[in-house]
Amino acid sequence: MEFQRTDNLPPPPGVINSLKSGFDAVANHITAIILPVVLDLFLWLGPHLRLEQFLQPLIAQLNIFAAKNTFSPADVQVAQEFWTRFSHEFNLMSLLRTFPIGVTSLISQILPGKTPLGEPLTLQIASAFGLVGWISLLTIIGWIFGGLYFSWVSGIISQSEEGRLARTGKAVIQTILLSLIWIGLLFVLGMPTITVFLMFFIISPVLAQATLLFAMLFAMWLIVPLFFLPHGIFMNQQNAFRSIVSSIKLSRFTLPTSSLFVLSVVLLSQGFNLLWSVPADTSWMMLVSILGHAFITTALLASSFIYYRDMNAWLQVVLEQVKAKATSAQA
C-alpha cells in the first residue's frame, strides 16, 4: 500500500523527535537507569562464574581426538588456546543479559577479568548438570528482570498508574513466553542456515561466503519486525503472539522510516559503546562508563517506545482515512 498517493495524510512521527523525547523522558526520570547500573556493577565487582574446571578435561582430550581424526598439531594447539582462554575469561553471569527482552549491560559485552579491588571471587562449574542448571537459572532471572526493566521504562512513557502492578506481572509472564518463542525461532531458522552453510563450505568456500551474504541480507530485512517484537506487550498490554503480529504490521507499512529509526538506535548505541569501553578494567573510571551506558541505552529504549506508540497512532489514522476514501469511492 502506498500512502503517499492519498491526499491530506498527517506526517509520520519523526525519528529525531522520537529520540529527543526519549532522552528527555529518562532525564526527567533518572531512576529508570537503576537496573542497568546494578546489573553492570554485579557483573564487574561481583562473583564470576567460570568454566575452567568443567572444560579443562575436555581440552586435554583434544590431542587424543585430533590423533584419531588426523588433525594437524597446529590446529589442535589453536583450538586448545582458544578454549583455554574462553574458559578463563568468560563469565557465565553475563547470561543475565537476555534477548530480546533484558536489562541492558555494558560489562556483559566487554567481560573484564579484573576489578579495582583485585581479582574477583571466582566460582567454578564442575559438571554438565551444573552448567545446564546455571544457564537455566540465569536466563530465567534475566527474563524476569528484563520484563521489569521494560515495564518500568514503558510506564514512564505511558504515564499510566492504574493497575500498574497487575500490568507489570502480566508483562513479565508474556516476556518469558516471547523469549521462549524467540529461542524457538532461532532454532528453527538457525539450524537449517548453519547446515546449509556447512554443506556449501565443504563444496566451495566462495559458495559459502555467498550464502552467508544472503543470510545477512535476509537478517537485515527482518531487523525491524524483530526490533519491535516486545513493544506491544508493554505499550498495549498485548500477549506475546499479538505483539508479534503488531510488530509485523508496523514494519510492513512503515518499513523505510522504521528502518531509519532502528539504524539510528543501533549506530548511537554502538558508537557510544566505543567510548564506554575506553577505561581499563581496574580503573574506577569504569563507573562513569557504566552510568553513561545505562543512561544512553535506557533513553534509546524509551525512544523506541515513543516511536512505537506514535507510529501506531499515525498508522491507525492513515488506515482509517484510506478505508473511508475507498468506501466513498465505491459509493
C-alpha atoms as a PDB file:
ATOM      1  CA  MET A   1       0.000   0.000   0.000  1.00  0.00           C
ATOM      2  CA  GLU A   2       1.416   3.407  -0.942  1.00  0.00           C
ATOM      3  CA  PHE A   3       0.251   6.061   1.486  1.00  0.00           C
ATOM      4  CA  GLN A   4       1.864   8.891  -0.433  1.00  0.00           C
ATOM      5  CA  ARG A   5      -0.876   8.655  -3.066  1.00  0.00           C
ATOM      6  CA  THR A   6      -3.571   9.537  -0.530  1.00  0.00           C
ATOM      7  CA  ASP A   7      -4.247  13.249  -0.036  1.00  0.00           C
ATOM      8  CA  ASN A   8      -4.239  15.153   3.275  1.00  0.00           C
ATOM      9  CA  LEU A   9      -2.421  12.500   5.278  1.00  0.00           C
ATOM     10  CA  PRO A  10      -0.758  13.607   8.530  1.00  0.00           C
ATOM     11  CA  PRO A  11       3.038  13.380   8.516  1.00  0.00           C
ATOM     12  CA  PRO A  12       4.518  10.288  10.201  1.00  0.00           C
ATOM     13  CA  PRO A  13       6.384  10.668  13.511  1.00  0.00           C
ATOM     14  CA  GLY A  14       9.917  11.947  13.082  1.00  0.00           C
ATOM     15  CA  VAL A  15      12.951   9.875  14.055  1.00  0.00           C
ATOM     16  CA  ILE A  16      14.770  12.829  15.634  1.00  0.00           C
ATOM     17  CA  ASN A  17      11.740  13.900  17.656  1.00  0.00           C
ATOM     18  CA  SER A  18      11.280  10.365  18.996  1.00  0.00           C
ATOM     19  CA  LEU A  19      14.930  10.180  20.042  1.00  0.00           C
ATOM     20  CA  LYS A  20      14.815  13.607  21.681  1.00  0.00           C
ATOM     21  CA  SER A  21      11.621  12.752  23.560  1.00  0.00           C
ATOM     22  CA  GLY A  22      13.163   9.502  24.806  1.00  0.00           C
ATOM     23  CA  PHE A  23      16.248  11.256  26.180  1.00  0.00           C
ATOM     24  CA  ASP A  24      14.084  13.938  27.818  1.00  0.00           C
ATOM     25  CA  ALA A  25      11.858  11.290  29.433  1.00  0.00           C
ATOM     26  CA  VAL A  26      14.790   9.426  31.013  1.00  0.00           C
ATOM     27  CA  ALA A  27      16.475  12.667  32.079  1.00  0.00           C
ATOM     28  CA  ASN A  28      13.268  13.539  33.951  1.00  0.00           C
ATOM     29  CA  HIS A  29      13.032  10.014  35.452  1.00  0.00           C
ATOM     30  CA  ILE A  30      16.685   9.190  36.050  1.00  0.00           C
ATOM     31  CA  THR A  31      15.817   6.317  38.413  1.00  0.00           C
ATOM     32  CA  ALA A  32      14.980   4.281  35.275  1.00  0.00           C
ATOM     33  CA  ILE A  33      18.709   3.545  34.857  1.00  0.00           C
ATOM     34  CA  ILE A  34      18.956   1.765  38.233  1.00  0.00           C
ATOM     35  CA  LEU A  35      18.568  -1.800  36.907  1.00  0.00           C
ATOM     36  CA  PRO A  36      21.269  -1.480  34.182  1.00  0.00           C
ATOM     37  CA  VAL A  37      23.652   0.118  36.693  1.00  0.00           C
ATOM     38  CA  VAL A  38      23.046  -2.588  39.308  1.00  0.00           C
ATOM     39  CA  LEU A  39      23.490  -5.374  36.751  1.00  0.00           C
ATOM     40  CA  ASP A  40      26.778  -3.927  35.474  1.00  0.00           C
ATOM     41  CA  LEU A  41      28.126  -3.404  38.985  1.00  0.00           C
ATOM     42  CA  PHE A  42      27.265  -7.010  39.827  1.00  0.00           C
ATOM     43  CA  LEU A  43      28.921  -8.368  36.662  1.00  0.00           C
ATOM     44  CA  TRP A  44      32.003  -6.225  37.290  1.00  0.00           C
ATOM     45  CA  LEU A  45      32.563  -6.385  41.046  1.00  0.00           C
ATOM     46  CA  GLY A  46      30.515  -9.442  41.970  1.00  0.00           C
ATOM     47  CA  PRO A  47      31.460 -13.137  41.763  1.00  0.00           C
ATOM     48  CA  HIS A  48      32.450 -14.512  38.364  1.00  0.00           C
ATOM     49  CA  LEU A  49      31.163 -17.894  37.245  1.00  0.00           C
ATOM     50  CA  ARG A  50      33.839 -19.682  35.208  1.00  0.00           C
ATOM     51  CA  LEU A  51      34.004 -22.857  33.108  1.00  0.00           C
ATOM     52  CA  GLU A  52      37.666 -23.773  33.672  1.00  0.00           C
ATOM     53  CA  GLN A  53      37.029 -26.769  35.914  1.00  0.00           C
ATOM     54  CA  PHE A  54      34.397 -28.107  33.519  1.00  0.00           C
ATOM     55  CA  LEU A  55      36.300 -27.523  30.253  1.00  0.00           C
ATOM     56  CA  GLN A  56      39.866 -28.433  31.248  1.00  0.00           C
ATOM     57  CA  PRO A  57      39.328 -32.229  30.992  1.00  0.00           C
ATOM     58  CA  LEU A  58      37.670 -31.736  27.593  1.00  0.00           C
ATOM     59  CA  ILE A  59      40.508 -29.505  26.387  1.00  0.00           C
ATOM     60  CA  ALA A  60      43.017 -32.156  27.467  1.00  0.00           C
ATOM     61  CA  GLN A  61      41.196 -34.715  25.302  1.00  0.00           C
ATOM     62  CA  LEU A  62      41.683 -32.645  22.137  1.00  0.00           C
ATOM     63  CA  ASN A  63      45.060 -34.292  21.439  1.00  0.00           C
ATOM     64  CA  ILE A  64      43.513 -37.765  21.550  1.00  0.00           C
ATOM     65  CA  PHE A  65      40.577 -36.684  19.378  1.00  0.00           C
ATOM     66  CA  ALA A  66      42.908 -34.993  16.887  1.00  0.00           C
ATOM     67  CA  ALA A  67      45.146 -38.064  16.621  1.00  0.00           C
ATOM     68  CA  LYS A  68      42.157 -40.235  15.703  1.00  0.00           C
ATOM     69  CA  ASN A  69      40.916 -37.741  13.122  1.00  0.00           C
ATOM     70  CA  THR A  70      44.285 -36.735  11.600  1.00  0.00           C
ATOM     71  CA  PHE A  71      44.161 -33.058  12.591  1.00  0.00           C
ATOM     72  CA  SER A  72      47.461 -31.186  12.425  1.00  0.00           C
ATOM     73  CA  PRO A  73      49.250 -30.281  15.707  1.00  0.00           C
ATOM     74  CA  ALA A  74      48.970 -26.588  14.795  1.00  0.00           C
ATOM     75  CA  ASP A  75      45.178 -26.809  14.536  1.00  0.00           C
ATOM     76  CA  VAL A  76      44.996 -28.643  17.848  1.00  0.00           C
ATOM     77  CA  GLN A  77      47.142 -26.007  19.540  1.00  0.00           C
ATOM     78  CA  VAL A  78      44.976 -23.180  18.214  1.00  0.00           C
ATOM     79  CA  ALA A  79      41.821 -24.941  19.441  1.00  0.00           C
ATOM     80  CA  GLN A  80      43.337 -25.585  22.869  1.00  0.00           C
ATOM     81  CA  GLU A  81      44.441 -21.960  23.230  1.00  0.00           C
ATOM     82  CA  PHE A  82      41.008 -20.693  22.227  1.00  0.00           C
ATOM     83  CA  TRP A  83      39.071 -22.895  24.644  1.00  0.00           C
ATOM     84  CA  THR A  84      41.565 -22.310  27.452  1.00  0.00           C
ATOM     85  CA  ARG A  85      41.213 -18.556  27.059  1.00  0.00           C
ATOM     86  CA  PHE A  86      37.438 -18.841  26.787  1.00  0.00           C
ATOM     87  CA  SER A  87      37.172 -20.913  29.960  1.00  0.00           C
ATOM     88  CA  HIS A  88      39.326 -18.397  31.835  1.00  0.00           C
ATOM     89  CA  GLU A  89      37.707 -15.169  30.577  1.00  0.00           C
ATOM     90  CA  PHE A  90      34.027 -15.950  30.007  1.00  0.00           C
ATOM     91  CA  ASN A  91      31.786 -15.071  32.937  1.00  0.00           C
ATOM     92  CA  LEU A  92      28.620 -17.151  32.793  1.00  0.00           C
ATOM     93  CA  MET A  93      26.876 -14.490  34.894  1.00  0.00           C
ATOM     94  CA  SER A  94      26.720 -12.410  31.705  1.00  0.00           C
ATOM     95  CA  LEU A  95      23.761 -14.602  30.694  1.00  0.00           C
ATOM     96  CA  LEU A  96      21.727 -12.318  32.957  1.00  0.00           C
ATOM     97  CA  ARG A  97      21.698 -10.027  29.909  1.00  0.00           C
ATOM     98  CA  THR A  98      18.937 -11.737  27.948  1.00  0.00           C
ATOM     99  CA  PHE A  99      17.423 -11.144  24.497  1.00  0.00           C
ATOM    100  CA  PRO A 100      15.156  -9.901  23.016  1.00  0.00           C
ATOM    101  CA  ILE A 101      13.974  -8.536  26.383  1.00  0.00           C
ATOM    102  CA  GLY A 102      16.592  -7.896  29.009  1.00  0.00           C
ATOM    103  CA  VAL A 103      18.363  -5.343  31.160  1.00  0.00           C
ATOM    104  CA  THR A 104      20.981  -3.556  29.068  1.00  0.00           C
ATOM    105  CA  SER A 105      24.579  -4.166  30.121  1.00  0.00           C
ATOM    106  CA  LEU A 106      27.999  -2.839  29.150  1.00  0.00           C
ATOM    107  CA  ILE A 107      30.026  -5.304  31.223  1.00  0.00           C
ATOM    108  CA  SER A 108      28.390  -8.324  29.570  1.00  0.00           C
ATOM    109  CA  GLN A 109      29.930  -7.141  26.282  1.00  0.00           C
ATOM    110  CA  ILE A 110      33.494  -6.422  27.422  1.00  0.00           C
ATOM    111  CA  LEU A 111      33.755  -9.145  30.135  1.00  0.00           C
ATOM    112  CA  PRO A 112      36.516  -7.589  32.292  1.00  0.00           C
ATOM    113  CA  GLY A 113      38.695 -10.124  34.087  1.00  0.00           C
ATOM    114  CA  LYS A 114      39.883  -7.836  36.874  1.00  0.00           C
ATOM    115  CA  THR A 115      38.459  -5.102  39.073  1.00  0.00           C
ATOM    116  CA  PRO A 116      39.869  -2.127  41.017  1.00  0.00           C
ATOM    117  CA  LEU A 117      39.549  -4.355  44.083  1.00  0.00           C
ATOM    118  CA  GLY A 118      41.780  -7.032  42.543  1.00  0.00           C
ATOM    119  CA  GLU A 119      40.855 -10.472  41.320  1.00  0.00           C
ATOM    120  CA  PRO A 120      37.114 -11.109  41.607  1.00  0.00           C
ATOM    121  CA  LEU A 121      35.703 -14.003  43.586  1.00  0.00           C
ATOM    122  CA  THR A 122      35.550 -16.928  41.176  1.00  0.00           C
ATOM    123  CA  LEU A 123      33.066 -19.781  41.226  1.00  0.00           C
ATOM    124  CA  GLN A 124      33.611 -22.866  39.095  1.00  0.00           C
ATOM    125  CA  ILE A 125      31.174 -25.139  37.267  1.00  0.00           C
ATOM    126  CA  ALA A 126      32.282 -28.745  37.569  1.00  0.00           C
ATOM    127  CA  SER A 127      29.620 -30.781  35.746  1.00  0.00           C
ATOM    128  CA  ALA A 128      27.294 -30.718  32.769  1.00  0.00           C
ATOM    129  CA  PHE A 129      24.318 -30.851  35.128  1.00  0.00           C
ATOM    130  CA  GLY A 130      25.596 -27.778  36.937  1.00  0.00           C
ATOM    131  CA  LEU A 131      26.175 -26.000  33.629  1.00  0.00           C
ATOM    132  CA  VAL A 132      22.620 -26.638  32.419  1.00  0.00           C
ATOM    133  CA  GLY A 133      21.230 -25.640  35.817  1.00  0.00           C
ATOM    134  CA  TRP A 134      23.136 -22.358  35.946  1.00  0.00           C
ATOM    135  CA  ILE A 135      22.251 -21.460  32.347  1.00  0.00           C
ATOM    136  CA  SER A 136      18.558 -22.098  33.008  1.00  0.00           C
ATOM    137  CA  LEU A 137      18.540 -20.176  36.303  1.00  0.00           C
ATOM    138  CA  LEU A 138      20.440 -17.145  34.989  1.00  0.00           C
ATOM    139  CA  THR A 139      18.323 -16.988  31.830  1.00  0.00           C
ATOM    140  CA  ILE A 140      15.040 -17.062  33.751  1.00  0.00           C
ATOM    141  CA  ILE A 141      16.275 -14.381  36.162  1.00  0.00           C
ATOM    142  CA  GLY A 142      17.375 -12.295  33.173  1.00  0.00           C
ATOM    143  CA  TRP A 143      13.938 -12.626  31.575  1.00  0.00           C
ATOM    144  CA  ILE A 144      12.171 -11.583  34.786  1.00  0.00           C
ATOM    145  CA  PHE A 145      14.335  -8.526  35.402  1.00  0.00           C
ATOM    146  CA  GLY A 146      14.210  -7.696  31.685  1.00  0.00           C
ATOM    147  CA  GLY A 147      10.413  -7.658  31.870  1.00  0.00           C
ATOM    148  CA  LEU A 148      10.551  -5.409  34.946  1.00  0.00           C
ATOM    149  CA  TYR A 149      13.012  -3.061  33.213  1.00  0.00           C
ATOM    150  CA  PHE A 150      10.969  -2.764  30.000  1.00  0.00           C
ATOM    151  CA  SER A 151       7.803  -2.299  32.059  1.00  0.00           C
ATOM    152  CA  TRP A 152       9.466   0.433  34.117  1.00  0.00           C
ATOM    153  CA  VAL A 153      10.627   2.376  31.058  1.00  0.00           C
ATOM    154  CA  SER A 154       7.357   1.930  29.153  1.00  0.00           C
ATOM    155  CA  GLY A 155       5.484   3.141  32.246  1.00  0.00           C
ATOM    156  CA  ILE A 156       7.425   6.399  32.081  1.00  0.00           C
ATOM    157  CA  ILE A 157       6.187   6.866  28.507  1.00  0.00           C
ATOM    158  CA  SER A 158       2.570   5.821  29.037  1.00  0.00           C
ATOM    159  CA  GLN A 159       2.326   7.662  32.407  1.00  0.00           C
ATOM    160  CA  SER A 160      -0.498   5.381  33.484  1.00  0.00           C
ATOM    161  CA  GLU A 161      -0.547   4.356  37.141  1.00  0.00           C
ATOM    162  CA  GLU A 162      -3.864   2.490  37.112  1.00  0.00           C
ATOM    163  CA  GLY A 163      -3.354  -1.240  37.598  1.00  0.00           C
ATOM    164  CA  ARG A 164       0.388  -0.853  37.100  1.00  0.00           C
ATOM    165  CA  LEU A 165       1.347  -3.764  39.352  1.00  0.00           C
ATOM    166  CA  ALA A 166      -1.036  -6.140  37.573  1.00  0.00           C
ATOM    167  CA  ARG A 167       0.194  -4.951  34.163  1.00  0.00           C
ATOM    168  CA  THR A 168       3.796  -5.486  35.226  1.00  0.00           C
ATOM    169  CA  GLY A 169       3.087  -9.049  36.389  1.00  0.00           C
ATOM    170  CA  LYS A 170       1.304  -9.848  33.129  1.00  0.00           C
ATOM    171  CA  ALA A 171       4.141  -8.273  31.141  1.00  0.00           C
ATOM    172  CA  VAL A 172       6.742 -10.431  32.920  1.00  0.00           C
ATOM    173  CA  ILE A 173       4.771 -13.588  32.091  1.00  0.00           C
ATOM    174  CA  GLN A 174       4.477 -12.523  28.442  1.00  0.00           C
ATOM    175  CA  THR A 175       8.196 -11.676  28.476  1.00  0.00           C
ATOM    176  CA  ILE A 176       9.039 -15.277  29.334  1.00  0.00           C
ATOM    177  CA  LEU A 177       6.628 -16.571  26.670  1.00  0.00           C
ATOM    178  CA  LEU A 178       8.021 -14.248  23.993  1.00  0.00           C
ATOM    179  CA  SER A 179      11.590 -15.223  24.912  1.00  0.00           C
ATOM    180  CA  LEU A 180      10.714 -18.910  24.530  1.00  0.00           C
ATOM    181  CA  ILE A 181       9.186 -18.144  21.111  1.00  0.00           C
ATOM    182  CA  TRP A 182      12.377 -16.242  20.258  1.00  0.00           C
ATOM    183  CA  ILE A 183      14.526 -19.257  21.146  1.00  0.00           C
ATOM    184  CA  GLY A 184      12.275 -21.490  19.043  1.00  0.00           C
ATOM    185  CA  LEU A 185      12.576 -19.135  16.047  1.00  0.00           C
ATOM    186  CA  LEU A 186      16.352 -19.026  16.391  1.00  0.00           C
ATOM    187  CA  PHE A 187      16.465 -22.813  16.434  1.00  0.00           C
ATOM    188  CA  VAL A 188      14.061 -23.247  13.502  1.00  0.00           C
ATOM    189  CA  LEU A 189      15.778 -20.623  11.337  1.00  0.00           C
ATOM    190  CA  GLY A 190      19.322 -21.023  12.623  1.00  0.00           C
ATOM    191  CA  MET A 191      19.845 -24.768  12.372  1.00  0.00           C
ATOM    192  CA  PRO A 192      18.932 -25.072   8.656  1.00  0.00           C
ATOM    193  CA  THR A 193      21.039 -21.988   7.878  1.00  0.00           C
ATOM    194  CA  ILE A 194      24.084 -23.408   9.663  1.00  0.00           C
ATOM    195  CA  THR A 195      23.595 -26.802   7.993  1.00  0.00           C
ATOM    196  CA  VAL A 196      23.348 -25.272   4.521  1.00  0.00           C
ATOM    197  CA  PHE A 197      26.366 -23.062   5.193  1.00  0.00           C
ATOM    198  CA  LEU A 198      28.497 -26.036   6.265  1.00  0.00           C
ATOM    199  CA  MET A 199      27.405 -28.055   3.222  1.00  0.00           C
ATOM    200  CA  PHE A 200      28.300 -25.192   0.879  1.00  0.00           C
ATOM    201  CA  PHE A 201      31.588 -24.648   2.714  1.00  0.00           C
ATOM    202  CA  ILE A 202      32.536 -28.276   2.035  1.00  0.00           C
ATOM    203  CA  ILE A 203      31.671 -27.814  -1.648  1.00  0.00           C
ATOM    204  CA  SER A 204      33.239 -24.352  -2.081  1.00  0.00           C
ATOM    205  CA  PRO A 205      34.320 -21.572   0.333  1.00  0.00           C
ATOM    206  CA  VAL A 206      33.180 -18.999  -2.251  1.00  0.00           C
ATOM    207  CA  LEU A 207      29.708 -20.533  -2.311  1.00  0.00           C
ATOM    208  CA  ALA A 208      29.667 -20.486   1.484  1.00  0.00           C
ATOM    209  CA  GLN A 209      30.521 -16.767   1.504  1.00  0.00           C
ATOM    210  CA  ALA A 210      27.683 -16.056  -0.940  1.00  0.00           C
ATOM    211  CA  THR A 211      25.300 -17.983   1.331  1.00  0.00           C
ATOM    212  CA  LEU A 212      26.482 -16.018   4.359  1.00  0.00           C
ATOM    213  CA  LEU A 213      25.949 -12.734   2.487  1.00  0.00           C
ATOM    214  CA  PHE A 214      22.419 -13.777   1.538  1.00  0.00           C
ATOM    215  CA  ALA A 215      21.687 -14.715   5.163  1.00  0.00           C
ATOM    216  CA  MET A 216      22.931 -11.299   6.328  1.00  0.00           C
ATOM    217  CA  LEU A 217      20.709  -9.502   3.802  1.00  0.00           C
ATOM    218  CA  PHE A 218      17.743 -11.593   4.948  1.00  0.00           C
ATOM    219  CA  ALA A 219      18.539 -10.730   8.567  1.00  0.00           C
ATOM    220  CA  MET A 220      18.609  -7.014   7.699  1.00  0.00           C
ATOM    221  CA  TRP A 221      15.126  -7.356   6.209  1.00  0.00           C
ATOM    222  CA  LEU A 222      13.932  -8.941   9.470  1.00  0.00           C
ATOM    223  CA  ILE A 223      15.573  -6.449  11.815  1.00  0.00           C
ATOM    224  CA  VAL A 224      12.602  -4.038  12.031  1.00  0.00           C
ATOM    225  CA  PRO A 225       9.911  -6.595  12.992  1.00  0.00           C
ATOM    226  CA  LEU A 226      12.388  -8.271  15.347  1.00  0.00           C
ATOM    227  CA  PHE A 227      13.284  -4.943  16.965  1.00  0.00           C
ATOM    228  CA  PHE A 228       9.665  -4.121  17.838  1.00  0.00           C
ATOM    229  CA  LEU A 229       8.636  -7.650  18.878  1.00  0.00           C
ATOM    230  CA  PRO A 230       8.224  -6.879  22.607  1.00  0.00           C
ATOM    231  CA  HIS A 231       6.774  -3.367  22.366  1.00  0.00           C
ATOM    232  CA  GLY A 232       3.128  -4.384  22.074  1.00  0.00           C
ATOM    233  CA  ILE A 233       3.384  -6.272  25.381  1.00  0.00           C
ATOM    234  CA  PHE A 234       4.444  -3.188  27.326  1.00  0.00           C
ATOM    235  CA  MET A 235       2.698  -0.349  25.472  1.00  0.00           C
ATOM    236  CA  ASN A 236      -0.626  -2.006  24.625  1.00  0.00           C
ATOM    237  CA  GLN A 237      -0.803  -4.859  27.176  1.00  0.00           C
ATOM    238  CA  GLN A 238      -0.920  -7.404  24.344  1.00  0.00           C
ATOM    239  CA  ASN A 239       0.012 -11.042  24.691  1.00  0.00           C
ATOM    240  CA  ALA A 240       3.194 -12.323  23.077  1.00  0.00           C
ATOM    241  CA  PHE A 241       1.538 -13.581  19.889  1.00  0.00           C
ATOM    242  CA  ARG A 242      -0.473 -10.396  19.349  1.00  0.00           C
ATOM    243  CA  SER A 243       2.649  -8.336  19.955  1.00  0.00           C
ATOM    244  CA  ILE A 244       4.455 -10.254  17.205  1.00  0.00           C
ATOM    245  CA  VAL A 245       1.574  -9.605  14.787  1.00  0.00           C
ATOM    246  CA  SER A 246       1.584  -5.889  15.678  1.00  0.00           C
ATOM    247  CA  SER A 247       5.320  -5.685  15.049  1.00  0.00           C
ATOM    248  CA  ILE A 248       4.970  -7.308  11.632  1.00  0.00           C
ATOM    249  CA  LYS A 249       2.101  -4.960  10.767  1.00  0.00           C
ATOM    250  CA  LEU A 250       4.134  -1.923  11.814  1.00  0.00           C
ATOM    251  CA  SER A 251       7.152  -2.961   9.745  1.00  0.00           C
ATOM    252  CA  ARG A 252       5.001  -3.801   6.743  1.00  0.00           C
ATOM    253  CA  PHE A 253       3.505  -0.315   6.415  1.00  0.00           C
ATOM    254  CA  THR A 254       6.351   1.832   7.777  1.00  0.00           C
ATOM    255  CA  LEU A 255       9.485  -0.027   6.723  1.00  0.00           C
ATOM    256  CA  PRO A 256      11.576   2.911   5.334  1.00  0.00           C
ATOM    257  CA  THR A 257      11.026   5.196   8.338  1.00  0.00           C
ATOM    258  CA  SER A 258      11.183   2.370  10.874  1.00  0.00           C
ATOM    259  CA  SER A 259      14.412   1.082   9.316  1.00  0.00           C
ATOM    260  CA  LEU A 260      15.922   4.550   9.678  1.00  0.00           C
ATOM    261  CA  PHE A 261      14.874   4.677  13.325  1.00  0.00           C
ATOM    262  CA  VAL A 262      16.323   1.237  14.111  1.00  0.00           C
ATOM    263  CA  LEU A 263      19.545   2.125  12.276  1.00  0.00           C
ATOM    264  CA  SER A 264      19.828   5.348  14.288  1.00  0.00           C
ATOM    265  CA  VAL A 265      19.365   3.451  17.564  1.00  0.00           C
ATOM    266  CA  VAL A 266      21.998   0.851  16.623  1.00  0.00           C
ATOM    267  CA  LEU A 267      24.538   3.461  15.480  1.00  0.00           C
ATOM    268  CA  LEU A 268      24.087   5.578  18.604  1.00  0.00           C
ATOM    269  CA  SER A 269      24.315   2.570  20.907  1.00  0.00           C
ATOM    270  CA  GLN A 270      27.379   1.038  19.270  1.00  0.00           C
ATOM    271  CA  GLY A 271      29.074   4.397  18.774  1.00  0.00           C
ATOM    272  CA  PHE A 272      28.822   5.276  22.460  1.00  0.00           C
ATOM    273  CA  ASN A 273      29.959   1.756  23.384  1.00  0.00           C
ATOM    274  CA  LEU A 274      33.325   2.563  21.821  1.00  0.00           C
ATOM    275  CA  LEU A 275      33.606   5.446  24.275  1.00  0.00           C
ATOM    276  CA  TRP A 276      32.389   3.450  27.273  1.00  0.00           C
ATOM    277  CA  SER A 277      34.976   0.713  26.574  1.00  0.00           C
ATOM    278  CA  VAL A 278      37.963   3.070  26.895  1.00  0.00           C
ATOM    279  CA  PRO A 279      38.605   2.809  30.694  1.00  0.00           C
ATOM    280  CA  ALA A 280      40.667  -0.137  31.900  1.00  0.00           C
ATOM    281  CA  ASP A 281      39.093  -2.985  33.871  1.00  0.00           C
ATOM    282  CA  THR A 282      40.971  -1.930  37.004  1.00  0.00           C
ATOM    283  CA  SER A 283      40.045   1.769  36.800  1.00  0.00           C
ATOM    284  CA  TRP A 284      37.221   3.320  38.790  1.00  0.00           C
ATOM    285  CA  MET A 285      36.548   5.422  35.682  1.00  0.00           C
ATOM    286  CA  MET A 286      34.591   2.373  34.533  1.00  0.00           C
ATOM    287  CA  LEU A 287      31.855   3.679  36.835  1.00  0.00           C
ATOM    288  CA  VAL A 288      31.445   6.665  34.516  1.00  0.00           C
ATOM    289  CA  SER A 289      31.139   4.285  31.575  1.00  0.00           C
ATOM    290  CA  ILE A 290      28.526   2.198  33.404  1.00  0.00           C
ATOM    291  CA  LEU A 291      26.440   5.267  34.236  1.00  0.00           C
ATOM    292  CA  GLY A 292      26.788   6.695  30.730  1.00  0.00           C
ATOM    293  CA  HIS A 293      25.893   3.388  29.083  1.00  0.00           C
ATOM    294  CA  ALA A 294      22.867   2.925  31.356  1.00  0.00           C
ATOM    295  CA  PHE A 295      21.563   6.401  30.543  1.00  0.00           C
ATOM    296  CA  ILE A 296      22.074   6.166  26.770  1.00  0.00           C
ATOM    297  CA  THR A 297      20.615   2.676  26.352  1.00  0.00           C
ATOM    298  CA  THR A 298      17.638   3.420  28.607  1.00  0.00           C
ATOM    299  CA  ALA A 299      16.970   6.640  26.686  1.00  0.00           C
ATOM    300  CA  LEU A 300      17.115   4.737  23.398  1.00  0.00           C
ATOM    301  CA  LEU A 301      14.695   2.151  24.779  1.00  0.00           C
ATOM    302  CA  ALA A 302      12.333   4.946  25.854  1.00  0.00           C
ATOM    303  CA  SER A 303      12.670   6.464  22.378  1.00  0.00           C
ATOM    304  CA  SER A 304      11.656   3.166  20.812  1.00  0.00           C
ATOM    305  CA  PHE A 305       8.515   3.039  22.966  1.00  0.00           C
ATOM    306  CA  ILE A 306       7.649   6.623  21.964  1.00  0.00           C
ATOM    307  CA  TYR A 307       8.247   5.863  18.292  1.00  0.00           C
ATOM    308  CA  TYR A 308       6.163   2.672  18.504  1.00  0.00           C
ATOM    309  CA  ARG A 309       3.282   4.492  20.228  1.00  0.00           C
ATOM    310  CA  ASP A 310       3.256   7.456  17.859  1.00  0.00           C
ATOM    311  CA  MET A 311       3.758   5.399  14.706  1.00  0.00           C
ATOM    312  CA  ASN A 312       0.916   3.059  15.598  1.00  0.00           C
ATOM    313  CA  ALA A 313      -1.356   6.046  16.272  1.00  0.00           C
ATOM    314  CA  TRP A 314      -0.365   7.565  12.925  1.00  0.00           C
ATOM    315  CA  LEU A 315      -0.855   4.256  11.149  1.00  0.00           C
ATOM    316  CA  GLN A 316      -4.347   3.914  12.624  1.00  0.00           C
ATOM    317  CA  VAL A 317      -5.310   7.376  11.327  1.00  0.00           C
ATOM    318  CA  VAL A 318      -3.898   6.620   7.886  1.00  0.00           C
ATOM    319  CA  LEU A 319      -5.689   3.288   7.588  1.00  0.00           C
ATOM    320  CA  GLU A 320      -8.978   4.864   8.648  1.00  0.00           C
ATOM    321  CA  GLN A 321      -8.581   7.617   6.048  1.00  0.00           C
ATOM    322  CA  VAL A 322      -7.702   5.101   3.336  1.00  0.00           C
ATOM    323  CA  LYS A 323     -10.693   2.961   4.295  1.00  0.00           C
ATOM    324  CA  ALA A 324     -13.030   5.968   4.303  1.00  0.00           C
ATOM    325  CA  LYS A 325     -11.763   7.076   0.902  1.00  0.00           C
ATOM    326  CA  ALA A 326     -12.204   3.568  -0.513  1.00  0.00           C
ATOM    327  CA  THR A 327     -15.759   3.407   0.873  1.00  0.00           C
ATOM    328  CA  SER A 328     -16.682   6.796  -0.603  1.00  0.00           C
ATOM    329  CA  ALA A 329     -15.218   5.814  -3.983  1.00  0.00           C
ATOM    330  CA  GLN A 330     -17.311   2.647  -4.058  1.00  0.00           C
ATOM    331  CA  ALA A 331     -20.425   4.625  -3.163  1.00  0.00           C
END
